[in-house]
Protein backbone atom coordinates (compact mmCIF):
# COMPACT_ATOMS: atom_id res chain seq x y z
CA MET A 1 16.32 -17.93 -15.14
CA ASN A 2 16.46 -16.11 -18.53
CA SER A 3 12.88 -14.47 -17.89
CA ILE A 4 13.64 -13.40 -14.49
CA LYS A 5 16.89 -11.90 -15.64
CA GLU A 6 15.17 -10.08 -18.53
CA PHE A 7 12.49 -8.67 -16.29
CA MET A 8 14.94 -7.21 -13.89
CA ASN A 9 17.17 -5.74 -16.45
CA ARG A 10 13.94 -4.19 -17.68
CA ASN A 11 12.85 -2.83 -14.65
CA ILE A 12 16.00 -2.40 -12.48
CA ARG A 13 15.15 1.16 -11.29
CA GLN A 14 11.45 0.53 -10.26
CA TYR A 15 11.79 -3.19 -8.91
CA GLY A 16 14.87 -2.97 -7.43
CA MET A 17 13.63 -0.63 -4.70
CA ILE A 18 10.63 -3.32 -4.45
CA PHE A 19 13.44 -5.94 -3.95
CA ALA A 20 15.19 -3.54 -1.47
CA LEU A 21 11.87 -3.06 0.56
CA ILE A 22 11.37 -6.76 0.76
CA VAL A 23 14.82 -7.25 2.20
CA ILE A 24 14.48 -4.28 4.64
CA VAL A 25 11.09 -5.73 5.81
CA MET A 26 12.67 -9.28 6.36
CA PHE A 27 15.91 -7.53 8.31
CA PHE A 28 13.81 -5.60 10.74
CA GLY A 29 11.28 -8.39 11.08
CA ILE A 30 14.13 -10.66 12.26
CA ALA A 31 15.74 -7.86 14.39
CA THR A 32 12.36 -7.05 16.02
CA GLY A 33 11.46 -10.66 16.97
CA GLY A 34 8.78 -10.42 14.53
CA LYS A 35 7.07 -7.23 15.98
CA LEU A 36 7.35 -5.37 12.54
CA ILE A 37 4.86 -7.54 10.95
CA TRP A 38 2.24 -7.64 13.83
CA PRO A 39 -0.96 -6.90 11.93
CA ARG A 40 -1.38 -4.33 14.40
CA ASN A 41 1.97 -2.77 13.52
CA VAL A 42 1.50 -3.05 9.97
CA SER A 43 -1.91 -1.09 10.24
CA MET A 44 -0.11 1.33 12.35
CA LEU A 45 2.57 1.70 9.81
CA VAL A 46 0.01 2.52 7.01
CA ARG A 47 -1.57 5.42 9.40
CA GLN A 48 1.79 6.52 10.45
CA ASN A 49 3.32 7.15 7.00
CA ALA A 50 0.29 8.46 5.16
CA TYR A 51 1.97 11.66 5.21
CA VAL A 52 4.91 10.67 3.51
CA LEU A 53 3.40 8.61 0.64
CA ILE A 54 1.04 12.17 0.10
CA LEU A 55 3.98 14.23 0.20
CA ALA A 56 6.11 12.22 -1.89
CA ILE A 57 3.44 11.96 -4.97
CA GLY A 58 3.70 15.95 -5.05
CA MET A 59 7.38 15.95 -4.40
CA MET A 60 8.12 13.63 -7.25
CA PHE A 61 6.38 16.13 -9.77
CA CYS A 62 8.48 18.57 -8.52
CA ILE A 63 11.78 16.67 -9.09
CA LEU A 64 10.55 15.62 -12.53
CA THR A 65 10.72 19.38 -14.04
CA GLY A 66 14.58 19.26 -13.29
CA GLY A 67 15.70 18.25 -10.09
CA ASN A 68 13.89 20.64 -8.08
CA ILE A 69 12.58 20.11 -4.55
CA ASP A 70 10.30 21.89 -2.47
CA LEU A 71 11.65 22.75 1.25
CA SER A 72 8.34 24.28 2.52
CA VAL A 73 6.07 21.25 2.93
CA GLY A 74 6.82 20.50 6.41
CA SER A 75 6.22 24.12 7.57
CA LEU A 76 3.09 24.01 5.26
CA VAL A 77 1.76 20.78 6.83
CA ALA A 78 1.96 22.70 10.29
CA LEU A 79 0.18 25.75 8.99
CA VAL A 80 -2.54 23.97 7.57
CA SER A 81 -3.06 22.06 10.46
CA ALA A 82 -3.03 25.15 12.67
CA MET A 83 -5.37 27.09 10.40
CA SER A 84 -7.56 24.11 10.33
CA GLY A 85 -7.62 23.44 14.11
CA LEU A 86 -8.30 27.17 14.70
CA MET A 87 -11.32 27.36 12.96
CA ALA A 88 -12.50 23.85 14.35
CA THR A 89 -11.58 24.45 18.03
CA THR A 90 -11.16 28.24 18.61
CA ILE A 91 -14.08 29.60 16.36
CA GLY A 92 -16.12 26.56 16.46
CA ILE A 93 -17.12 25.98 12.74
CA PRO A 94 -17.83 22.41 11.43
CA SER A 95 -15.20 20.15 10.82
CA TRP A 96 -15.89 19.44 7.55
CA LEU A 97 -15.61 23.45 7.01
CA ALA A 98 -12.53 23.67 8.77
CA ILE A 99 -11.26 20.95 6.69
CA ILE A 100 -12.08 22.73 3.59
CA PHE A 101 -10.31 26.11 4.86
CA GLY A 102 -7.34 24.09 5.43
CA LEU A 103 -7.16 22.45 1.93
CA VAL A 104 -7.73 26.14 0.60
CA THR A 105 -4.98 27.41 2.94
CA GLY A 106 -2.27 24.90 1.18
CA LEU A 107 -3.55 25.51 -2.05
CA LEU A 108 -3.02 29.34 -1.70
CA ALA A 109 0.22 28.90 -0.12
CA GLY A 110 1.19 26.68 -3.18
CA LEU A 111 0.02 29.42 -5.70
CA TRP A 112 1.97 32.04 -3.82
CA GLN A 113 5.07 29.98 -4.14
CA GLY A 114 4.30 28.84 -7.75
CA PHE A 115 4.06 32.56 -8.72
CA TRP A 116 7.50 33.50 -7.48
CA ILE A 117 9.21 30.36 -8.77
CA ALA A 118 7.57 30.32 -12.30
CA TYR A 119 6.89 33.99 -13.18
CA VAL A 120 9.42 35.99 -11.27
CA LYS A 121 12.30 33.22 -11.85
CA VAL A 122 13.19 33.07 -8.18
CA PRO A 123 14.93 29.62 -8.18
CA PRO A 124 12.95 27.15 -6.32
CA PHE A 125 15.21 26.29 -3.63
CA ILE A 126 15.00 29.81 -2.47
CA THR A 127 11.40 30.20 -3.10
CA THR A 128 10.69 27.14 -0.72
CA LEU A 129 13.39 27.69 2.02
CA ALA A 130 11.52 31.37 2.37
CA GLY A 131 8.04 29.55 2.62
CA MET A 132 9.64 27.27 5.15
CA LEU A 133 10.56 29.93 6.95
CA VAL A 134 7.52 31.98 6.63
CA PHE A 135 4.96 29.03 6.89
CA ARG A 136 6.58 27.99 10.21
CA GLY A 137 6.50 31.35 11.71
CA VAL A 138 2.73 31.87 11.02
CA ASN A 139 2.13 28.42 12.43
CA ASN A 140 3.77 29.73 15.61
CA ILE A 141 2.00 32.87 15.92
CA ILE A 142 -1.64 31.29 15.32
CA LEU A 143 -1.12 28.34 18.05
CA ASN A 144 1.25 30.63 20.44
CA GLY A 145 3.03 27.40 21.57
CA GLN A 146 -0.17 25.78 22.16
CA THR A 147 -1.88 22.54 21.31
CA LEU A 148 -5.53 22.59 19.76
CA PRO A 149 -7.39 19.09 20.33
CA LEU A 150 -9.29 18.14 17.24
CA SER A 151 -12.19 15.66 17.11
CA GLY A 152 -15.03 14.61 14.85
CA LEU A 153 -14.18 14.21 11.04
CA TYR A 154 -10.64 14.70 11.90
CA VAL A 155 -10.36 11.47 14.04
CA VAL A 156 -12.41 9.49 11.50
CA ILE A 157 -9.86 10.36 8.58
CA GLY A 158 -6.74 9.80 10.87
CA THR A 159 -7.52 6.84 12.74
CA GLY A 160 -10.74 5.10 11.24
CA SER A 161 -11.18 2.09 9.28
CA VAL A 162 -14.19 0.90 6.93
CA PRO A 163 -16.78 -0.96 9.17
CA ASP A 164 -17.04 -4.71 8.22
CA ILE A 165 -19.70 -5.54 5.68
CA ALA A 166 -20.04 -9.06 6.78
CA PRO A 167 -18.50 -9.89 10.36
CA ASN A 168 -17.39 -13.24 11.22
CA THR A 169 -17.93 -14.75 7.78
CA ILE A 170 -14.10 -15.79 7.03
CA PRO A 171 -13.65 -19.48 7.27
CA ASP A 172 -11.77 -20.98 9.88
CA PHE A 173 -8.90 -22.39 7.83
CA LEU A 174 -8.11 -18.84 6.64
CA ARG A 175 -7.44 -17.66 10.35
CA ILE A 176 -3.66 -18.33 10.58
CA GLY A 177 -2.75 -16.39 13.81
CA ASP A 178 -2.36 -19.40 15.74
CA LEU A 179 0.12 -20.89 13.27
CA LEU A 180 2.01 -17.80 12.88
CA GLN A 181 2.04 -17.40 16.59
CA LEU A 182 1.07 -13.44 16.52
CA GLN A 183 0.52 -11.54 19.52
CA ASN A 184 -3.06 -9.78 19.75
CA LYS A 185 -4.31 -12.03 17.03
CA PRO A 186 -8.02 -11.27 16.26
CA GLU A 187 -10.69 -14.04 16.68
CA PHE A 188 -12.33 -12.98 13.43
CA LEU A 189 -10.95 -11.56 10.04
CA ASN A 190 -12.36 -8.24 8.62
CA ALA A 191 -14.02 -9.39 5.30
CA THR A 192 -14.23 -6.22 4.12
CA MET A 193 -10.52 -5.83 3.68
CA PHE A 194 -10.11 -9.45 2.71
CA ILE A 195 -12.33 -9.18 -0.03
CA VAL A 196 -11.06 -5.94 -1.09
CA GLY A 197 -7.72 -7.13 -1.74
CA LEU A 198 -8.67 -10.09 -3.48
CA VAL A 199 -10.78 -7.89 -5.99
CA LEU A 200 -8.02 -5.38 -6.33
CA SER A 201 -5.59 -8.08 -7.17
CA ILE A 202 -7.92 -9.67 -9.74
CA ILE A 203 -8.44 -6.21 -11.21
CA TYR A 204 -4.75 -5.72 -11.55
CA VAL A 205 -4.15 -9.16 -13.55
CA LEU A 206 -6.99 -8.61 -15.80
CA PHE A 207 -5.71 -4.61 -16.49
CA THR A 208 -2.13 -6.19 -17.09
CA ILE A 209 -3.41 -8.51 -19.56
CA PHE A 210 -5.47 -6.14 -21.46
CA ASN A 211 -2.93 -3.42 -21.45
CA ARG A 212 -0.47 -5.87 -22.89
CA LYS A 213 -2.92 -6.96 -25.72
CA SER A 214 -3.51 -3.44 -26.39
CA LYS A 215 -0.11 -2.62 -26.84
CA ILE A 216 0.64 -5.76 -29.23
CA ALA A 217 -2.31 -4.79 -31.34
CA ARG A 218 -0.74 -1.19 -31.97
CA GLY A 219 2.60 -2.41 -32.70
CA TYR A 220 4.51 -1.70 -29.57
CA GLU A 221 7.15 -3.71 -27.88
CA VAL A 222 6.36 -5.20 -24.85
CA ALA A 223 8.06 -7.53 -22.39
CA SER A 224 7.98 -11.29 -22.82
CA LEU A 225 5.19 -13.45 -21.74
CA LYS A 226 7.16 -15.06 -19.10
CA SER A 227 8.52 -11.96 -17.59
CA VAL A 228 4.86 -10.31 -17.27
CA VAL A 229 3.85 -13.71 -15.77
CA ILE A 230 6.42 -13.45 -12.90
CA LYS A 231 5.32 -9.93 -12.39
CA VAL A 232 1.36 -10.79 -12.21
CA ILE A 233 1.86 -13.78 -9.73
CA SER A 234 4.28 -11.68 -7.83
CA PHE A 235 2.16 -8.45 -7.26
CA PHE A 236 -1.06 -10.88 -7.09
CA ILE A 237 0.53 -12.50 -3.88
CA VAL A 238 2.03 -8.97 -2.24
CA ILE A 239 -1.64 -7.47 -2.65
CA ASN A 240 -3.67 -10.53 -1.31
CA ILE A 241 -1.04 -10.88 1.93
CA PHE A 242 -0.88 -7.17 2.61
CA SER A 243 -4.62 -7.01 2.66
CA TYR A 244 -4.88 -10.23 4.47
CA TRP A 245 -2.44 -8.88 7.64
CA LEU A 246 -4.84 -5.49 7.68
CA ALA A 247 -7.92 -8.12 7.81
CA MET A 248 -5.99 -9.26 11.08
CA ASP A 249 -6.64 -5.85 12.47
CA ASP A 250 -9.16 -3.20 12.06
CA GLY A 251 -9.48 -3.94 8.49
CA LEU A 252 -9.57 -1.11 5.61
CA PRO A 253 -7.88 1.97 7.05
CA ILE A 254 -9.73 5.01 5.58
CA MET A 255 -6.20 6.70 5.06
CA LEU A 256 -5.25 4.02 2.86
CA ILE A 257 -8.46 4.66 0.58
CA LEU A 258 -7.18 8.37 0.35
CA VAL A 259 -3.77 7.40 -0.51
CA ALA A 260 -4.86 4.82 -3.22
CA ILE A 261 -7.15 7.66 -4.94
CA LEU A 262 -4.32 9.95 -5.06
CA PHE A 263 -1.88 7.07 -6.20
CA ALA A 264 -4.47 6.25 -8.94
CA VAL A 265 -5.15 9.96 -10.18
CA TYR A 266 -1.67 11.11 -10.21
CA THR A 267 -0.34 7.99 -11.80
CA PHE A 268 -2.95 8.90 -14.73
CA ILE A 269 -1.74 12.45 -14.74
CA ALA A 270 1.88 11.57 -15.15
CA THR A 271 1.58 8.90 -17.51
CA LYS A 272 -1.51 9.55 -19.91
CA THR A 273 -1.81 13.41 -20.00
CA ILE A 274 -0.64 15.85 -21.90
CA PRO A 275 0.43 18.16 -18.70
CA GLY A 276 2.18 14.68 -17.34
CA ARG A 277 4.33 14.47 -20.55
CA HIS A 278 5.32 18.07 -20.34
CA ILE A 279 6.43 17.74 -16.94
CA TYR A 280 8.89 14.97 -17.82
CA ALA A 281 9.99 16.62 -21.20
CA MET A 282 10.88 19.54 -18.71
CA GLY A 283 12.92 17.51 -16.84
CA GLY A 284 14.78 15.85 -19.72
CA ASN A 285 15.79 19.11 -21.33
CA ILE A 286 13.79 22.13 -20.59
CA LYS A 287 15.15 24.37 -23.55
CA ALA A 288 14.07 21.83 -25.92
CA ALA A 289 10.86 21.17 -24.08
CA GLU A 290 10.28 25.24 -24.44
CA LEU A 291 11.18 24.74 -28.25
CA SER A 292 8.79 22.26 -28.53
CA GLY A 293 5.92 24.56 -27.39
CA VAL A 294 5.71 23.57 -23.76
CA ASN A 295 4.78 26.23 -21.48
CA THR A 296 7.08 25.62 -19.05
CA LYS A 297 6.25 28.68 -16.64
CA LYS A 298 2.64 27.47 -16.50
CA MET A 299 3.60 23.68 -15.71
CA MET A 300 5.95 25.20 -12.84
CA PHE A 301 3.02 27.11 -11.69
CA LEU A 302 0.94 24.24 -11.63
CA VAL A 303 3.66 21.74 -10.30
CA TYR A 304 4.02 23.97 -7.21
CA SER A 305 0.32 24.93 -6.49
CA ASN A 306 -0.14 21.18 -6.50
CA MET A 307 2.30 20.50 -4.31
CA GLY A 308 0.66 23.03 -1.88
CA LEU A 309 -2.55 21.04 -2.11
CA LEU A 310 -1.03 18.07 -1.30
CA ALA A 311 0.81 19.27 1.57
CA ALA A 312 -2.72 20.56 2.84
CA VAL A 313 -4.00 17.00 2.70
CA ALA A 314 -0.99 15.56 4.17
CA GLY A 315 -1.53 18.35 7.16
CA ILE A 316 -5.38 17.37 7.76
CA VAL A 317 -4.23 13.53 7.69
CA THR A 318 -1.49 14.17 10.11
CA ALA A 319 -3.69 16.39 12.28
CA GLY A 320 -6.36 13.61 12.48
CA ARG A 321 -3.93 10.94 13.32
CA LEU A 322 -2.46 13.35 16.30
CA MET A 323 -6.07 14.36 17.18
CA ALA A 324 -4.61 17.87 17.65
CA SER A 325 -2.86 20.55 16.04
CA SER A 326 0.45 21.13 17.44
CA PRO A 327 3.02 23.56 16.84
CA ASN A 328 5.97 21.25 16.36
CA VAL A 329 4.18 19.21 14.01
CA GLY A 330 5.60 18.66 10.34
CA ALA A 331 9.41 18.66 11.49
CA ASN A 332 11.61 17.10 8.74
CA PHE A 333 8.52 15.76 6.62
CA GLU A 334 9.99 17.44 3.57
CA MET A 335 13.23 15.29 4.18
CA ASP A 336 11.24 12.29 4.24
CA ALA A 337 9.48 13.09 1.02
CA ILE A 338 12.26 14.02 -0.84
CA GLY A 339 14.29 10.96 0.35
CA SER A 340 11.53 8.79 -0.68
CA CYS A 341 11.57 10.06 -4.38
CA PHE A 342 15.21 9.55 -4.62
CA ILE A 343 15.08 6.30 -2.97
CA GLY A 344 12.16 5.01 -5.54
CA GLY A 345 14.35 5.61 -8.51
CA ALA A 346 13.77 9.37 -9.12
CA SER A 347 16.46 11.10 -10.89
CA ALA A 348 18.47 14.02 -9.18
CA TYR A 349 18.40 15.92 -12.92
CA GLY A 350 14.81 15.32 -13.48
CA GLY A 351 12.90 13.85 -16.07
CA VAL A 352 13.19 10.32 -14.50
CA GLY A 353 10.74 8.57 -12.03
CA THR A 354 7.43 7.31 -11.31
CA ILE A 355 4.36 7.79 -8.82
CA TRP A 356 4.89 4.19 -8.12
CA GLY A 357 8.64 4.48 -7.27
CA ALA A 358 7.89 7.42 -5.12
CA VAL A 359 5.46 5.05 -3.11
CA VAL A 360 7.59 2.20 -2.65
CA GLY A 361 10.41 4.69 -1.40
CA ALA A 362 7.96 6.08 1.23
CA PHE A 363 7.13 2.46 2.29
CA ILE A 364 11.13 2.13 2.75
CA MET A 365 11.54 5.22 4.59
CA GLY A 366 8.42 4.22 6.87
CA VAL A 367 9.66 0.77 7.25
CA MET A 368 13.06 1.94 8.39
CA ASN A 369 11.52 4.62 10.89
CA ASN A 370 9.43 1.91 12.56
CA GLY A 371 11.66 -0.70 12.36
CA MET A 372 14.58 1.37 13.83
CA SER A 373 12.33 2.74 16.64
CA ILE A 374 11.03 -0.84 17.74
CA ILE A 375 14.49 -1.93 18.37
CA GLY A 376 15.34 1.31 20.19
CA LEU A 377 17.94 2.65 17.84
CA ASN A 378 18.99 6.09 19.22
CA VAL A 379 17.31 8.96 17.17
CA PHE A 380 20.62 10.64 15.91
CA LEU A 381 21.78 7.46 14.79
CA GLN A 382 18.49 6.86 12.83
CA SER A 383 19.06 10.34 11.00
CA VAL A 384 22.56 8.90 9.76
CA VAL A 385 21.07 5.68 8.36
CA LYS A 386 18.34 7.75 6.44
CA GLY A 387 20.79 10.09 5.24
CA MET A 388 23.07 7.54 4.20
CA VAL A 389 20.14 5.49 2.50
CA VAL A 390 19.35 8.82 0.38
CA LEU A 391 22.91 9.23 -0.57
CA LEU A 392 23.42 5.66 -1.72
CA ALA A 393 20.16 5.81 -3.78
CA VAL A 394 21.33 9.20 -5.82
CA ALA A 395 24.98 7.49 -5.92
CA PHE A 396 23.33 4.64 -7.51
CA ASP A 397 21.30 6.78 -9.68
CA MET A 398 24.70 8.63 -10.79
CA TYR A 399 26.40 5.51 -11.50
CA SER A 400 23.69 4.13 -13.75
CA LYS A 401 23.63 7.13 -15.92
CA SER A 402 27.32 7.15 -16.53
CA LYS A 403 27.10 3.32 -17.39
CA SER A 404 24.20 3.90 -19.89
CA ARG A 405 26.20 6.70 -21.41
CA LEU A 406 29.41 4.37 -21.56
CA GLY A 407 27.41 1.67 -23.12
């Protein structure tokens, strides 16, 4: 019990959100009669909320710089979707080239906003509010109220899965669909997803062990061995359960691979690079960061340029899932991304937060959206619930900060 208490005390912000996610999944699992955890629904949950995961990663960097946000990402998702759809459908260029064009559009929009924020000193709230209006307006001008159907590579990205490398190879004792009384249960498990989950969980265990040994060798303080064992076992189980559930459906979604790559890249940037350290320093105290030699203008420019690029990625993913460019796409996407970051432990003042926390927060938002939709909760009440959850998450951050100061 002491090890568990120590583990929670050292990681209350991050792992408290994981505990909240588990509780929310259990609640909606019971409330929906098990529909929430059907393999098909879990697979769809990943695809439907990929945009939140992608946007939350970029939004976390914005918040880290000092509690700043980007209100334009939903409109930019719509603009990228419209521009890319226009190129692919109306003009008729290949899908891969239209996708590149869409990504460049998002990057240019991010560069534009980054310039105004970093070098003209227009506050991020005002700049991105203007961007929200401009991008949505341009999107509506391009589409003129029409929906452009998409196909080819868009559909592969949005709805596709990795082919099974060894079909019908999973032994019978691992097929527990009948035991769990799952509806639409498959006859066979997807071996690719099953193997990928097992390999990733083993890699995670080895990485944790070697990372701890490396810190001990360099004289860093580390958590107790018992708390590390609890963490490793817990994550090993969660990874394999999640991969097993996906294996009972279509297997490994291409969207999940994209999100995993972005998660790994941006976690490395945030924790292992000089720009990542500079972003955290800006959020801690921007004046002190400037005096320490941090080029704060450059960092703000890069952060919002990056947000534009990730919004473009989310736009392509969303267009692929919907198989169309729609004038109404992206509505309230920015709120989901911002909420995910604060729910995942980001500080309203900046300087505190992790990419991992943003991802957990995005899953919490996704499970709530999906669960409330399944039980048929009024859409207006859904907004009330999500708003209260975000408010409580920020209130918890304020409380924990005041408590630490008093302590």
